[in-house]
Amino acid sequence: MIFVTSLVTGLFAAMLRSLFATIAVSFLICIVFAVAFALNGASVSALLISIAGFNGGLILFAAAHIFGSGARSPE
């Protein structure tokens, strides 16, 4: 569930096409996990899964954009 949520978050951050938005979202993910770790003892592996999902969303958006634009042939 953490992976899917962060994957969708990465997709939506990439759709904004703003470097500031991408950095802000990744910073907020780290802040949320730091607070969760301090208050409830959240695992570091959950943070790594979340970061992997966020990066996966960014990569998925970029790959879809590249393959989508390459599918159209100029005539």
Protein backbone atom coordinates (compact mmCIF):
# COMPACT_ATOMS: atom_id res chain seq x y z
CA MET A 1 0.00 0.00 0.00
CA ILE A 2 2.87 2.35 0.77
CA PHE A 3 4.46 1.58 -2.60
CA VAL A 4 1.26 2.20 -4.57
CA THR A 5 0.52 5.45 -2.74
CA SER A 6 4.00 6.80 -3.32
CA LEU A 7 3.91 5.59 -6.94
CA VAL A 8 0.75 7.61 -7.58
CA THR A 9 2.26 10.57 -5.72
CA GLY A 10 5.31 10.38 -7.99
CA LEU A 11 3.09 10.26 -11.07
CA PHE A 12 1.12 13.32 -10.02
CA ALA A 13 4.27 15.22 -9.04
CA ALA A 14 5.74 14.47 -12.47
CA MET A 15 2.55 15.62 -14.18
CA LEU A 16 3.06 19.06 -12.63
CA ARG A 17 6.33 19.26 -14.61
CA SER A 18 7.91 21.40 -11.96
CA LEU A 19 11.22 20.64 -10.33
CA PHE A 20 10.13 22.57 -7.24
CA ALA A 21 6.98 20.44 -6.90
CA THR A 22 8.98 17.22 -7.20
CA ILE A 23 11.51 18.34 -4.61
CA ALA A 24 8.76 19.61 -2.29
CA VAL A 25 6.85 16.32 -2.45
CA SER A 26 9.97 14.24 -1.80
CA PHE A 27 10.87 16.54 1.11
CA LEU A 28 7.37 16.13 2.55
CA ILE A 29 7.62 12.34 2.27
CA CYS A 30 10.85 12.42 4.28
CA ILE A 31 9.34 14.78 6.88
CA VAL A 32 6.29 12.54 7.33
CA PHE A 33 8.46 9.48 7.84
CA ALA A 34 10.73 11.36 10.25
CA VAL A 35 7.71 12.32 12.36
CA ALA A 36 6.30 8.78 12.13
CA PHE A 37 9.68 7.38 13.18
CA ALA A 38 9.89 9.77 16.13
CA LEU A 39 6.34 9.19 17.35
CA ASN A 40 5.61 5.56 16.50
CA GLY A 41 8.93 3.98 15.62
CA ALA A 42 8.19 3.54 11.91
CA SER A 43 10.61 1.30 10.08
CA VAL A 44 13.33 2.57 7.80
CA SER A 45 12.35 -0.07 5.26
CA ALA A 46 8.96 1.63 4.88
CA LEU A 47 10.77 4.87 4.06
CA LEU A 48 12.90 3.08 1.47
CA ILE A 49 9.80 1.47 -0.06
CA SER A 50 8.13 4.87 -0.23
CA ILE A 51 11.15 6.48 -1.89
CA ALA A 52 11.35 3.60 -4.37
CA GLY A 53 7.67 4.02 -5.20
CA PHE A 54 8.04 7.78 -5.68
CA ASN A 55 11.03 7.30 -7.97
CA GLY A 56 9.14 4.56 -9.78
CA GLY A 57 6.29 6.97 -10.44
CA LEU A 58 8.68 9.55 -11.87
CA ILE A 59 10.35 6.92 -14.07
CA LEU A 60 6.98 5.53 -15.18
CA PHE A 61 5.79 8.99 -16.22
CA ALA A 62 9.01 9.71 -18.10
CA ALA A 63 8.91 6.34 -19.87
CA ALA A 64 5.27 6.80 -20.84
CA HIS A 65 6.05 10.27 -22.16
CA ILE A 66 9.02 9.05 -24.18
CA PHE A 67 7.29 5.98 -25.60
CA GLY A 68 4.07 7.89 -26.23
CA SER A 69 5.80 10.57 -28.23
CA GLY A 70 7.88 8.01 -30.11
CA ALA A 71 4.80 6.08 -31.21
CA ARG A 72 3.64 8.93 -33.45
CA SER A 73 5.52 9.06 -36.71
CA PRO A 74 5.73 12.41 -38.50
CA GLU A 75 4.41 12.29 -42.02
